């Protein structure tokens, strides 16, 4: 049986960030990815402005830059503008490959098309029946993490998101559509990308079943005369049920830990940050991550907002429309941004 100091399951943003940082240590590292190509993932690809400088993300990875977004509801329509770009879209495959190239390959063994079949106390079993021993294990394998399942953690807070990827340059604006009757406390979106547009929606399945969500989405698409005949249908889950990230010598990062916003679905930022923090926790057993505490605190605020909107019932549409009005004020934007996202 081969043995490594650290085994990382999953080569998404969190796993790749872990590998990059661990490569600077003297530990032996194995990075496993079940897909044959590192990077591609079903995702809106949104990235907040603050992450560009923090993670030194090059401009050539950016597809679209947004200074404005339009919020629709049955009662209101508001365009919110900013002097600076506040959101970017990126190609997840190119982003993953950029992260991959930053890893010191001489320090990290990387295996693609390799699936973890079973997790045990100090070793894993691959789909090839090979056993791999570890001192530390990092689960960075997404919403349906096998490492999380081994730890016996429940996942009760999750959303189902569906979208069509349509080859079109027709759509120019970043748009969000709130309609309580169709999407409960969530929304539909139009997300322009470089050579295509992502048009989708999502909702917590405790509020709306996946089947009903798709029926409502199809109704909304027809109502808005959106042609999906050339579109690629995609569906994915979003796990925002955080129950810890450190379990003795086993760690969870990114969506495996539930560090995704239940309100916005954004998860790249928390994946990158938690990847860094997990490595610090491995290298220093006494390290406590205040940055993960902060992500969790913000996530809890988002959950409270979702629960509040759910309780509003028939008044939800009115509330969602009214909420967008003060966002026109830059001062109020700053206050709300600070309270909800920092």
C-alpha atoms as a PDB file:
ATOM      1  CA  UNK A   1       0.000   0.000   0.000  1.00  0.00           C
ATOM      2  CA  UNK A   2       1.309   3.439  -0.963  1.00  0.00           C
ATOM      3  CA  UNK A   3       1.327   6.066   1.774  1.00  0.00           C
ATOM      4  CA  UNK A   4       1.211   9.864   1.638  1.00  0.00           C
ATOM      5  CA  UNK A   5       1.272  12.576   4.250  1.00  0.00           C
ATOM      6  CA  UNK A   6      -1.738  14.279   2.638  1.00  0.00           C
ATOM      7  CA  UNK A   7      -4.332  12.961   0.208  1.00  0.00           C
ATOM      8  CA  UNK A   8      -6.618  15.520  -1.425  1.00  0.00           C
ATOM      9  CA  UNK A   9      -9.861  14.249  -2.950  1.00  0.00           C
ATOM     10  CA  UNK A  10     -11.111  16.598  -5.663  1.00  0.00           C
ATOM     11  CA  UNK A  11      -9.288  19.035  -7.958  1.00  0.00           C
ATOM     12  CA  UNK A  12     -11.730  21.939  -7.935  1.00  0.00           C
ATOM     13  CA  UNK A  13     -10.766  25.429  -6.683  1.00  0.00           C
ATOM     14  CA  UNK A  14     -10.450  24.241  -3.051  1.00  0.00           C
ATOM     15  CA  UNK A  15      -8.435  21.094  -3.786  1.00  0.00           C
ATOM     16  CA  UNK A  16      -6.106  22.862  -6.213  1.00  0.00           C
ATOM     17  CA  UNK A  17      -5.493  25.675  -3.721  1.00  0.00           C
ATOM     18  CA  UNK A  18      -4.659  23.078  -1.050  1.00  0.00           C
ATOM     19  CA  UNK A  19      -2.214  21.352  -3.399  1.00  0.00           C
ATOM     20  CA  UNK A  20      -0.538  24.628  -4.390  1.00  0.00           C
ATOM     21  CA  UNK A  21       0.073  25.638  -0.777  1.00  0.00           C
ATOM     22  CA  UNK A  22       1.060  22.181   0.484  1.00  0.00           C
ATOM     23  CA  UNK A  23       3.660  21.922  -2.288  1.00  0.00           C
ATOM     24  CA  UNK A  24       5.643  24.546  -0.377  1.00  0.00           C
ATOM     25  CA  UNK A  25       5.966  22.162   2.575  1.00  0.00           C
ATOM     26  CA  UNK A  26       8.026  18.990   2.931  1.00  0.00           C
ATOM     27  CA  UNK A  27       4.983  16.701   2.961  1.00  0.00           C
ATOM     28  CA  UNK A  28       4.213  14.036   0.379  1.00  0.00           C
ATOM     29  CA  UNK A  29       0.979  14.884  -1.417  1.00  0.00           C
ATOM     30  CA  UNK A  30      -1.456  13.038  -3.661  1.00  0.00           C
ATOM     31  CA  UNK A  31      -4.207  14.921  -5.503  1.00  0.00           C
ATOM     32  CA  UNK A  32      -7.064  12.830  -6.932  1.00  0.00           C
ATOM     33  CA  UNK A  33      -9.608  13.929  -9.541  1.00  0.00           C
ATOM     34  CA  UNK A  34     -12.389  11.654 -10.810  1.00  0.00           C
ATOM     35  CA  UNK A  35     -12.745  13.488 -14.151  1.00  0.00           C
ATOM     36  CA  UNK A  36     -10.250  13.194 -16.986  1.00  0.00           C
ATOM     37  CA  UNK A  37      -9.819  16.976 -17.282  1.00  0.00           C
ATOM     38  CA  UNK A  38      -9.149  19.337 -14.386  1.00  0.00           C
ATOM     39  CA  UNK A  39     -11.316  22.442 -14.239  1.00  0.00           C
ATOM     40  CA  UNK A  40     -14.703  21.997 -15.939  1.00  0.00           C
ATOM     41  CA  UNK A  41     -17.730  22.229 -13.658  1.00  0.00           C
ATOM     42  CA  UNK A  42     -21.395  23.115 -13.983  1.00  0.00           C
ATOM     43  CA  UNK A  43     -21.320  26.602 -12.476  1.00  0.00           C
ATOM     44  CA  UNK A  44     -22.439  30.161 -13.147  1.00  0.00           C
ATOM     45  CA  UNK A  45     -18.777  31.189 -12.990  1.00  0.00           C
ATOM     46  CA  UNK A  46     -19.328  34.397 -11.033  1.00  0.00           C
ATOM     47  CA  UNK A  47     -16.401  35.938  -9.177  1.00  0.00           C
ATOM     48  CA  UNK A  48     -16.560  39.029  -6.918  1.00  0.00           C
ATOM     49  CA  UNK A  49     -14.233  41.951  -7.547  1.00  0.00           C
ATOM     50  CA  UNK A  50     -12.289  41.575  -4.283  1.00  0.00           C
ATOM     51  CA  UNK A  51     -10.962  38.135  -5.274  1.00  0.00           C
ATOM     52  CA  UNK A  52      -9.034  39.350  -8.333  1.00  0.00           C
ATOM     53  CA  UNK A  53      -6.261  41.076  -6.402  1.00  0.00           C
ATOM     54  CA  UNK A  54      -6.352  38.752  -3.405  1.00  0.00           C
ATOM     55  CA  UNK A  55      -5.681  35.613  -5.460  1.00  0.00           C
ATOM     56  CA  UNK A  56      -3.738  37.335  -8.275  1.00  0.00           C
ATOM     57  CA  UNK A  57      -6.237  36.209 -10.905  1.00  0.00           C
ATOM     58  CA  UNK A  58      -5.029  37.415 -14.334  1.00  0.00           C
ATOM     59  CA  UNK A  59      -7.266  39.557 -16.501  1.00  0.00           C
ATOM     60  CA  UNK A  60      -7.120  37.116 -19.416  1.00  0.00           C
ATOM     61  CA  UNK A  61      -9.205  34.613 -17.411  1.00  0.00           C
ATOM     62  CA  UNK A  62     -12.111  37.057 -17.185  1.00  0.00           C
ATOM     63  CA  UNK A  63     -14.932  36.727 -19.704  1.00  0.00           C
ATOM     64  CA  UNK A  64     -17.371  39.506 -18.797  1.00  0.00           C
ATOM     65  CA  UNK A  65     -17.224  42.466 -16.421  1.00  0.00           C
ATOM     66  CA  UNK A  66     -20.330  43.980 -14.872  1.00  0.00           C
ATOM     67  CA  UNK A  67     -20.982  47.451 -13.463  1.00  0.00           C
ATOM     68  CA  UNK A  68     -24.745  46.989 -13.344  1.00  0.00           C
ATOM     69  CA  UNK A  69     -27.421  44.392 -12.761  1.00  0.00           C
ATOM     70  CA  UNK A  70     -31.154  44.449 -13.339  1.00  0.00           C
ATOM     71  CA  UNK A  71     -33.508  43.057 -10.712  1.00  0.00           C
ATOM     72  CA  UNK A  72     -36.998  42.031 -11.810  1.00  0.00           C
ATOM     73  CA  UNK A  73     -39.997  41.172  -9.660  1.00  0.00           C
ATOM     74  CA  UNK A  74     -43.741  41.055 -10.438  1.00  0.00           C
ATOM     75  CA  UNK A  75     -44.095  44.539  -8.926  1.00  0.00           C
ATOM     76  CA  UNK A  76     -40.793  46.289  -9.605  1.00  0.00           C
ATOM     77  CA  UNK A  77     -37.881  46.459 -12.019  1.00  0.00           C
ATOM     78  CA  UNK A  78     -34.708  48.199 -10.913  1.00  0.00           C
ATOM     79  CA  UNK A  79     -31.288  48.629 -12.486  1.00  0.00           C
ATOM     80  CA  UNK A  80     -28.505  48.886  -9.948  1.00  0.00           C
ATOM     81  CA  UNK A  81     -25.330  50.582 -11.174  1.00  0.00           C
ATOM     82  CA  UNK A  82     -21.846  50.960  -9.755  1.00  0.00           C
ATOM     83  CA  UNK A  83     -18.868  53.110 -10.740  1.00  0.00           C
ATOM     84  CA  UNK A  84     -16.623  50.050 -10.687  1.00  0.00           C
ATOM     85  CA  UNK A  85     -16.982  46.479 -11.871  1.00  0.00           C
ATOM     86  CA  UNK A  86     -18.313  44.430  -8.974  1.00  0.00           C
ATOM     87  CA  UNK A  87     -18.703  41.025 -10.636  1.00  0.00           C
ATOM     88  CA  UNK A  88     -16.834  39.053 -13.278  1.00  0.00           C
ATOM     89  CA  UNK A  89     -17.509  35.796 -15.046  1.00  0.00           C
ATOM     90  CA  UNK A  90     -14.785  33.249 -15.647  1.00  0.00           C
ATOM     91  CA  UNK A  91     -14.419  30.061 -17.647  1.00  0.00           C
ATOM     92  CA  UNK A  92     -14.180  27.323 -15.007  1.00  0.00           C
ATOM     93  CA  UNK A  93     -12.025  25.044 -17.152  1.00  0.00           C
ATOM     94  CA  UNK A  94      -9.488  27.796 -17.873  1.00  0.00           C
ATOM     95  CA  UNK A  95      -9.565  28.861 -14.226  1.00  0.00           C
ATOM     96  CA  UNK A  96      -8.901  25.294 -13.097  1.00  0.00           C
ATOM     97  CA  UNK A  97      -6.054  24.896 -15.583  1.00  0.00           C
ATOM     98  CA  UNK A  98      -4.540  28.188 -14.379  1.00  0.00           C
ATOM     99  CA  UNK A  99      -4.634  26.896 -10.797  1.00  0.00           C
ATOM    100  CA  UNK A 100      -3.213  23.565 -11.956  1.00  0.00           C
ATOM    101  CA  UNK A 101      -0.225  25.231 -13.637  1.00  0.00           C
ATOM    102  CA  UNK A 102       0.655  27.021 -10.387  1.00  0.00           C
ATOM    103  CA  UNK A 103       1.220  23.720  -8.577  1.00  0.00           C
ATOM    104  CA  UNK A 104       4.782  22.488  -8.204  1.00  0.00           C
ATOM    105  CA  UNK A 105       4.354  19.131  -9.994  1.00  0.00           C
ATOM    106  CA  UNK A 106       7.566  17.748  -8.544  1.00  0.00           C
ATOM    107  CA  UNK A 107       6.054  18.013  -5.060  1.00  0.00           C
ATOM    108  CA  UNK A 108       2.495  16.853  -5.831  1.00  0.00           C
ATOM    109  CA  UNK A 109       1.472  13.577  -7.449  1.00  0.00           C
ATOM    110  CA  UNK A 110      -1.680  14.144  -9.496  1.00  0.00           C
ATOM    111  CA  UNK A 111      -4.001  11.433 -10.762  1.00  0.00           C
ATOM    112  CA  UNK A 112      -7.009  12.122 -12.976  1.00  0.00           C
ATOM    113  CA  UNK A 113      -9.778   9.668 -13.933  1.00  0.00           C
ATOM    114  CA  UNK A 114      -9.350   8.288 -10.422  1.00  0.00           C
ATOM    115  CA  UNK A 115     -12.391   7.866  -8.218  1.00  0.00           C
ATOM    116  CA  UNK A 116     -12.391   7.203  -4.483  1.00  0.00           C
ATOM    117  CA  UNK A 117     -14.577   4.214  -3.797  1.00  0.00           C
ATOM    118  CA  UNK A 118     -14.283   4.001  -0.007  1.00  0.00           C
ATOM    119  CA  UNK A 119     -12.886   6.054   2.880  1.00  0.00           C
ATOM    120  CA  UNK A 120     -11.492   4.493   6.053  1.00  0.00           C
ATOM    121  CA  UNK A 121      -9.754   5.798   9.177  1.00  0.00           C
ATOM    122  CA  UNK A 122      -6.262   6.029   7.690  1.00  0.00           C
ATOM    123  CA  UNK A 123      -6.602   4.819   4.112  1.00  0.00           C
ATOM    124  CA  UNK A 124      -8.848   5.105   1.070  1.00  0.00           C
ATOM    125  CA  UNK A 125      -9.742   2.573  -1.604  1.00  0.00           C
ATOM    126  CA  UNK A 126      -9.796   3.671  -5.239  1.00  0.00           C
ATOM    127  CA  UNK A 127     -12.093   2.343  -7.944  1.00  0.00           C
ATOM    128  CA  UNK A 128      -9.114   0.298  -9.127  1.00  0.00           C
ATOM    129  CA  UNK A 129      -9.183  -1.461  -5.698  1.00  0.00           C
ATOM    130  CA  UNK A 130      -5.833   0.156  -4.868  1.00  0.00           C
ATOM    131  CA  UNK A 131      -5.424   1.155  -1.211  1.00  0.00           C
ATOM    132  CA  UNK A 132      -3.789   4.498  -0.371  1.00  0.00           C
ATOM    133  CA  UNK A 133      -2.697   5.357   3.157  1.00  0.00           C
ATOM    134  CA  UNK A 134      -2.702   8.894   4.555  1.00  0.00           C
ATOM    135  CA  UNK A 135      -1.820  10.911   7.640  1.00  0.00           C
ATOM    136  CA  UNK A 136      -4.209  13.687   6.609  1.00  0.00           C
ATOM    137  CA  UNK A 137      -7.177  13.538   4.268  1.00  0.00           C
ATOM    138  CA  UNK A 138      -8.821  16.561   2.627  1.00  0.00           C
ATOM    139  CA  UNK A 139     -12.291  16.257   1.150  1.00  0.00           C
ATOM    140  CA  UNK A 140     -12.618  18.854  -1.601  1.00  0.00           C
ATOM    141  CA  UNK A 141     -14.969  16.741  -3.685  1.00  0.00           C
ATOM    142  CA  UNK A 142     -18.065  18.909  -3.906  1.00  0.00           C
ATOM    143  CA  UNK A 143     -21.677  18.720  -2.807  1.00  0.00           C
ATOM    144  CA  UNK A 144     -21.816  14.907  -2.823  1.00  0.00           C
ATOM    145  CA  UNK A 145     -18.501  14.467  -1.034  1.00  0.00           C
ATOM    146  CA  UNK A 146     -17.588  10.870  -0.186  1.00  0.00           C
ATOM    147  CA  UNK A 147     -15.314  12.193   2.577  1.00  0.00           C
ATOM    148  CA  UNK A 148     -18.221  14.092   4.143  1.00  0.00           C
ATOM    149  CA  UNK A 149     -20.358  10.950   3.968  1.00  0.00           C
ATOM    150  CA  UNK A 150     -17.646   8.947   5.720  1.00  0.00           C
ATOM    151  CA  UNK A 151     -17.681  11.494   8.543  1.00  0.00           C
ATOM    152  CA  UNK A 152     -21.420  10.871   8.949  1.00  0.00           C
ATOM    153  CA  UNK A 153     -22.362  14.510   8.438  1.00  0.00           C
ATOM    154  CA  UNK A 154     -25.928  15.212   7.362  1.00  0.00           C
ATOM    155  CA  UNK A 155     -26.674  17.481   4.418  1.00  0.00           C
ATOM    156  CA  UNK A 156     -30.098  18.994   4.971  1.00  0.00           C
ATOM    157  CA  UNK A 157     -29.554  22.489   3.567  1.00  0.00           C
ATOM    158  CA  UNK A 158     -29.048  22.313  -0.157  1.00  0.00           C
ATOM    159  CA  UNK A 159     -30.410  23.811  -3.347  1.00  0.00           C
ATOM    160  CA  UNK A 160     -31.025  22.353  -6.761  1.00  0.00           C
ATOM    161  CA  UNK A 161     -29.957  24.637  -9.597  1.00  0.00           C
ATOM    162  CA  UNK A 162     -30.832  24.103 -13.251  1.00  0.00           C
ATOM    163  CA  UNK A 163     -29.680  26.031 -16.288  1.00  0.00           C
ATOM    164  CA  UNK A 164     -29.391  26.080 -20.044  1.00  0.00           C
ATOM    165  CA  UNK A 165     -26.092  26.983 -21.687  1.00  0.00           C
ATOM    166  CA  UNK A 166     -27.130  28.697 -24.912  1.00  0.00           C
ATOM    167  CA  UNK A 167     -24.649  29.772 -27.637  1.00  0.00           C
ATOM    168  CA  UNK A 168     -25.723  33.385 -28.026  1.00  0.00           C
ATOM    169  CA  UNK A 169     -24.398  36.941 -27.801  1.00  0.00           C
ATOM    170  CA  UNK A 170     -27.902  38.364 -27.702  1.00  0.00           C
ATOM    171  CA  UNK A 171     -27.914  38.920 -23.946  1.00  0.00           C
ATOM    172  CA  UNK A 172     -25.763  41.763 -22.612  1.00  0.00           C
ATOM    173  CA  UNK A 173     -27.137  42.465 -19.118  1.00  0.00           C
ATOM    174  CA  UNK A 174     -26.697  40.653 -15.828  1.00  0.00           C
ATOM    175  CA  UNK A 175     -30.296  40.009 -14.736  1.00  0.00           C
ATOM    176  CA  UNK A 176     -32.068  38.418 -11.776  1.00  0.00           C
ATOM    177  CA  UNK A 177     -35.766  37.529 -11.759  1.00  0.00           C
ATOM    178  CA  UNK A 178     -37.592  37.114  -8.459  1.00  0.00           C
ATOM    179  CA  UNK A 179     -40.992  35.469  -8.551  1.00  0.00           C
ATOM    180  CA  UNK A 180     -42.118  33.848  -5.327  1.00  0.00           C
ATOM    181  CA  UNK A 181     -44.785  31.732  -7.017  1.00  0.00           C
ATOM    182  CA  UNK A 182     -42.212  30.132  -9.312  1.00  0.00           C
ATOM    183  CA  UNK A 183     -38.942  30.115  -7.351  1.00  0.00           C
ATOM    184  CA  UNK A 184     -39.960  30.664  -3.719  1.00  0.00           C
ATOM    185  CA  UNK A 185     -37.106  32.630  -2.052  1.00  0.00           C
ATOM    186  CA  UNK A 186     -34.672  32.046  -4.898  1.00  0.00           C
ATOM    187  CA  UNK A 187     -34.660  33.418  -8.453  1.00  0.00           C
ATOM    188  CA  UNK A 188     -33.972  32.914 -12.133  1.00  0.00           C
ATOM    189  CA  UNK A 189     -30.955  34.499 -13.780  1.00  0.00           C
ATOM    190  CA  UNK A 190     -29.483  35.565 -17.092  1.00  0.00           C
ATOM    191  CA  UNK A 191     -25.698  35.424 -16.935  1.00  0.00           C
ATOM    192  CA  UNK A 192     -23.937  36.555 -20.147  1.00  0.00           C
ATOM    193  CA  UNK A 193     -20.634  34.808 -20.801  1.00  0.00           C
ATOM    194  CA  UNK A 194     -18.036  35.152 -23.570  1.00  0.00           C
ATOM    195  CA  UNK A 195     -19.581  32.967 -26.283  1.00  0.00           C
ATOM    196  CA  UNK A 196     -22.779  31.879 -24.591  1.00  0.00           C
ATOM    197  CA  UNK A 197     -25.318  32.775 -21.938  1.00  0.00           C
ATOM    198  CA  UNK A 198     -26.276  30.872 -18.805  1.00  0.00           C
ATOM    199  CA  UNK A 199     -30.011  31.084 -18.109  1.00  0.00           C
ATOM    200  CA  UNK A 200     -31.135  29.220 -15.027  1.00  0.00           C
ATOM    201  CA  UNK A 201     -32.849  29.120 -11.674  1.00  0.00           C
ATOM    202  CA  UNK A 202     -32.627  27.385  -8.325  1.00  0.00           C
ATOM    203  CA  UNK A 203     -34.395  26.704  -5.068  1.00  0.00           C
ATOM    204  CA  UNK A 204     -34.060  24.824  -1.797  1.00  0.00           C
ATOM    205  CA  UNK A 205     -35.780  21.470  -2.281  1.00  0.00           C
ATOM    206  CA  UNK A 206     -37.466  21.738   1.130  1.00  0.00           C
ATOM    207  CA  UNK A 207     -39.342  24.718  -0.300  1.00  0.00           C
ATOM    208  CA  UNK A 208     -39.915  23.406  -3.817  1.00  0.00           C
ATOM    209  CA  UNK A 209     -39.319  19.941  -5.289  1.00  0.00           C
ATOM    210  CA  UNK A 210     -36.834  19.554  -8.131  1.00  0.00           C
ATOM    211  CA  UNK A 211     -39.641  18.369 -10.418  1.00  0.00           C
ATOM    212  CA  UNK A 212     -41.836  21.379  -9.618  1.00  0.00           C
ATOM    213  CA  UNK A 213     -38.883  23.745 -10.011  1.00  0.00           C
ATOM    214  CA  UNK A 214     -38.232  22.465 -13.534  1.00  0.00           C
ATOM    215  CA  UNK A 215     -41.930  22.787 -14.436  1.00  0.00           C
ATOM    216  CA  UNK A 216     -41.950  26.373 -13.147  1.00  0.00           C
ATOM    217  CA  UNK A 217     -38.709  27.151 -14.974  1.00  0.00           C
ATOM    218  CA  UNK A 218     -40.118  25.876 -18.279  1.00  0.00           C
ATOM    219  CA  UNK A 219     -43.194  28.054 -17.742  1.00  0.00           C
ATOM    220  CA  UNK A 220     -40.956  31.062 -17.060  1.00  0.00           C
ATOM    221  CA  UNK A 221     -38.851  30.387 -20.168  1.00  0.00           C
ATOM    222  CA  UNK A 222     -41.952  30.268 -22.365  1.00  0.00           C
ATOM    223  CA  UNK A 223     -43.386  33.382 -20.740  1.00  0.00           C
ATOM    224  CA  UNK A 224     -40.169  35.300 -21.456  1.00  0.00           C
ATOM    225  CA  UNK A 225     -39.889  33.832 -24.980  1.00  0.00           C
ATOM    226  CA  UNK A 226     -36.441  32.393 -24.373  1.00  0.00           C
ATOM    227  CA  UNK A 227     -35.369  29.931 -27.064  1.00  0.00           C
ATOM    228  CA  UNK A 228     -33.642  26.918 -25.511  1.00  0.00           C
ATOM    229  CA  UNK A 229     -33.690  24.720 -28.646  1.00  0.00           C
ATOM    230  CA  UNK A 230     -29.888  25.014 -29.017  1.00  0.00           C
ATOM    231  CA  UNK A 231     -29.201  25.035 -25.306  1.00  0.00           C
ATOM    232  CA  UNK A 232     -27.450  22.390 -23.207  1.00  0.00           C
ATOM    233  CA  UNK A 233     -29.454  21.461 -20.118  1.00  0.00           C
ATOM    234  CA  UNK A 234     -27.515  21.163 -16.853  1.00  0.00           C
ATOM    235  CA  UNK A 235     -28.518  20.482 -13.249  1.00  0.00           C
ATOM    236  CA  UNK A 236     -26.473  20.473 -10.069  1.00  0.00           C
ATOM    237  CA  UNK A 237     -26.804  20.638  -6.293  1.00  0.00           C
ATOM    238  CA  UNK A 238     -25.458  23.353  -3.999  1.00  0.00           C
ATOM    239  CA  UNK A 239     -24.538  22.285  -0.466  1.00  0.00           C
ATOM    240  CA  UNK A 240     -24.685  25.061   2.146  1.00  0.00           C
ATOM    241  CA  UNK A 241     -25.038  22.893   5.251  1.00  0.00           C
ATOM    242  CA  UNK A 242     -21.872  23.712   7.214  1.00  0.00           C
ATOM    243  CA  UNK A 243     -21.123  21.323  10.101  1.00  0.00           C
ATOM    244  CA  UNK A 244     -17.416  21.926  10.598  1.00  0.00           C
ATOM    245  CA  UNK A 245     -14.236  21.594   8.555  1.00  0.00           C
ATOM    246  CA  UNK A 246     -11.762  19.909  10.917  1.00  0.00           C
ATOM    247  CA  UNK A 247     -12.311  16.363  12.217  1.00  0.00           C
ATOM    248  CA  UNK A 248      -9.038  15.233  13.788  1.00  0.00           C
ATOM    249  CA  UNK A 249      -6.877  14.362  10.752  1.00  0.00           C
ATOM    250  CA  UNK A 250      -9.670  14.683   8.189  1.00  0.00           C
ATOM    251  CA  UNK A 251     -10.657  18.052   6.713  1.00  0.00           C
ATOM    252  CA  UNK A 252     -13.364  19.421   4.443  1.00  0.00           C
ATOM    253  CA  UNK A 253     -12.921  22.396   2.120  1.00  0.00           C
ATOM    254  CA  UNK A 254     -15.233  24.401  -0.121  1.00  0.00           C
ATOM    255  CA  UNK A 255     -18.608  22.922  -0.963  1.00  0.00           C
ATOM    256  CA  UNK A 256     -17.733  19.624   0.732  1.00  0.00           C
ATOM    257  CA  UNK A 257     -17.825  21.562   3.999  1.00  0.00           C
ATOM    258  CA  UNK A 258     -21.023  23.394   3.013  1.00  0.00           C
ATOM    259  CA  UNK A 259     -19.217  26.716   2.618  1.00  0.00           C
ATOM    260  CA  UNK A 260     -21.432  27.985  -0.195  1.00  0.00           C
ATOM    261  CA  UNK A 261     -23.950  30.796   0.137  1.00  0.00           C
ATOM    262  CA  UNK A 262     -27.503  29.495   0.347  1.00  0.00           C
ATOM    263  CA  UNK A 263     -28.693  32.923  -0.773  1.00  0.00           C
ATOM    264  CA  UNK A 264     -26.549  33.552  -3.857  1.00  0.00           C
ATOM    265  CA  UNK A 265     -25.041  30.138  -4.623  1.00  0.00           C
ATOM    266  CA  UNK A 266     -21.551  31.706  -4.814  1.00  0.00           C
ATOM    267  CA  UNK A 267     -18.818  29.295  -3.803  1.00  0.00           C
ATOM    268  CA  UNK A 268     -15.520  29.998  -5.597  1.00  0.00           C
ATOM    269  CA  UNK A 269     -14.380  32.550  -3.017  1.00  0.00           C
ATOM    270  CA  UNK A 270     -15.098  30.291  -0.039  1.00  0.00           C
ATOM    271  CA  UNK A 271     -13.437  27.362  -1.840  1.00  0.00           C
ATOM    272  CA  UNK A 272     -10.191  29.282  -2.337  1.00  0.00           C
ATOM    273  CA  UNK A 273     -10.157  30.690   1.195  1.00  0.00           C
ATOM    274  CA  UNK A 274     -11.025  27.402   2.907  1.00  0.00           C
ATOM    275  CA  UNK A 275      -8.371  25.609   0.840  1.00  0.00           C
ATOM    276  CA  UNK A 276      -5.767  27.964   2.283  1.00  0.00           C
ATOM    277  CA  UNK A 277      -7.108  27.629   5.817  1.00  0.00           C
ATOM    278  CA  UNK A 278      -7.207  23.838   5.761  1.00  0.00           C
ATOM    279  CA  UNK A 279      -3.515  23.758   4.835  1.00  0.00           C
ATOM    280  CA  UNK A 280      -2.676  26.143   7.689  1.00  0.00           C
ATOM    281  CA  UNK A 281      -4.584  23.852  10.057  1.00  0.00           C
ATOM    282  CA  UNK A 282      -2.593  20.824   8.867  1.00  0.00           C
ATOM    283  CA  UNK A 283       0.762  22.585   9.216  1.00  0.00           C
ATOM    284  CA  UNK A 284      -0.122  24.003  12.650  1.00  0.00           C
ATOM    285  CA  UNK A 285      -2.382  21.854  14.841  1.00  0.00           C
ATOM    286  CA  UNK A 286      -3.143  24.825  17.098  1.00  0.00           C
ATOM    287  CA  UNK A 287      -4.279  27.038  14.231  1.00  0.00           C
ATOM    288  CA  UNK A 288      -7.853  28.306  14.387  1.00  0.00           C
ATOM    289  CA  UNK A 289      -9.288  29.750  11.196  1.00  0.00           C
ATOM    290  CA  UNK A 290     -10.948  33.093  11.768  1.00  0.00           C
ATOM    291  CA  UNK A 291     -11.453  33.381   8.000  1.00  0.00           C
ATOM    292  CA  UNK A 292     -13.636  30.269   7.920  1.00  0.00           C
ATOM    293  CA  UNK A 293     -15.478  31.592  10.983  1.00  0.00           C
ATOM    294  CA  UNK A 294     -16.186  34.726   8.951  1.00  0.00           C
ATOM    295  CA  UNK A 295     -17.471  32.764   5.944  1.00  0.00           C
ATOM    296  CA  UNK A 296     -19.752  30.757   8.243  1.00  0.00           C
ATOM    297  CA  UNK A 297     -21.036  33.920   9.919  1.00  0.00           C
ATOM    298  CA  UNK A 298     -21.937  35.449   6.553  1.00  0.00           C
ATOM    299  CA  UNK A 299     -23.529  32.181   5.463  1.00  0.00           C
ATOM    300  CA  UNK A 300     -25.678  32.133   8.605  1.00  0.00           C
ATOM    301  CA  UNK A 301     -26.938  35.627   7.762  1.00  0.00           C
ATOM    302  CA  UNK A 302     -27.896  34.419   4.294  1.00  0.00           C
ATOM    303  CA  UNK A 303     -29.793  31.461   5.755  1.00  0.00           C
ATOM    304  CA  UNK A 304     -31.697  33.782   8.101  1.00  0.00           C
ATOM    305  CA  UNK A 305     -32.705  35.923   5.117  1.00  0.00           C
ATOM    306  CA  UNK A 306     -33.926  32.842   3.231  1.00  0.00           C
ATOM    307  CA  UNK A 307     -35.929  31.670   6.245  1.00  0.00           C
ATOM    308  CA  UNK A 308     -37.411  35.134   6.712  1.00  0.00           C
ATOM    309  CA  UNK A 309     -38.456  35.333   3.061  1.00  0.00           C
ATOM    310  CA  UNK A 310     -39.958  31.844   3.269  1.00  0.00           C
ATOM    311  CA  UNK A 311     -42.124  32.895   6.226  1.00  0.00           C
ATOM    312  CA  UNK A 312     -43.459  35.920   4.330  1.00  0.00           C
ATOM    313  CA  UNK A 313     -45.593  33.662   2.140  1.00  0.00           C
ATOM    314  CA  UNK A 314     -47.882  35.661  -0.185  1.00  0.00           C
ATOM    315  CA  UNK A 315     -46.072  38.907   0.702  1.00  0.00           C
ATOM    316  CA  UNK A 316     -42.704  37.626  -0.519  1.00  0.00           C
ATOM    317  CA  UNK A 317     -42.940  39.100  -4.029  1.00  0.00           C
ATOM    318  CA  UNK A 318     -43.663  42.554  -2.635  1.00  0.00           C
ATOM    319  CA  UNK A 319     -40.787  42.288  -0.161  1.00  0.00           C
ATOM    320  CA  UNK A 320     -38.326  41.136  -2.828  1.00  0.00           C
ATOM    321  CA  UNK A 321     -39.245  44.080  -5.013  1.00  0.00           C
ATOM    322  CA  UNK A 322     -38.990  46.590  -2.175  1.00  0.00           C
ATOM    323  CA  UNK A 323     -35.590  45.248  -1.125  1.00  0.00           C
ATOM    324  CA  UNK A 324     -34.114  46.147  -4.520  1.00  0.00           C
ATOM    325  CA  UNK A 325     -35.129  49.835  -4.318  1.00  0.00           C
ATOM    326  CA  UNK A 326     -32.602  51.017  -1.685  1.00  0.00           C
ATOM    327  CA  UNK A 327     -29.826  49.277  -3.600  1.00  0.00           C
ATOM    328  CA  UNK A 328     -29.903  52.206  -6.045  1.00  0.00           C
ATOM    329  CA  UNK A 329     -28.220  54.299  -3.372  1.00  0.00           C
ATOM    330  CA  UNK A 330     -24.455  53.755  -3.366  1.00  0.00           C
ATOM    331  CA  UNK A 331     -24.317  54.516   0.350  1.00  0.00           C
ATOM    332  CA  UNK A 332     -26.955  51.928   1.140  1.00  0.00           C
ATOM    333  CA  UNK A 333     -25.243  49.484  -1.229  1.00  0.00           C
ATOM    334  CA  UNK A 334     -22.079  49.864   0.831  1.00  0.00           C
ATOM    335  CA  UNK A 335     -23.922  49.309   4.127  1.00  0.00           C
ATOM    336  CA  UNK A 336     -25.872  46.291   2.841  1.00  0.00           C
ATOM    337  CA  UNK A 337     -22.757  44.794   1.257  1.00  0.00           C
ATOM    338  CA  UNK A 338     -20.869  45.160   4.539  1.00  0.00           C
ATOM    339  CA  UNK A 339     -23.661  43.605   6.597  1.00  0.00           C
ATOM    340  CA  UNK A 340     -24.505  40.735   4.253  1.00  0.00           C
ATOM    341  CA  UNK A 341     -21.192  39.763   2.677  1.00  0.00           C
ATOM    342  CA  UNK A 342     -18.432  40.732   5.148  1.00  0.00           C
END
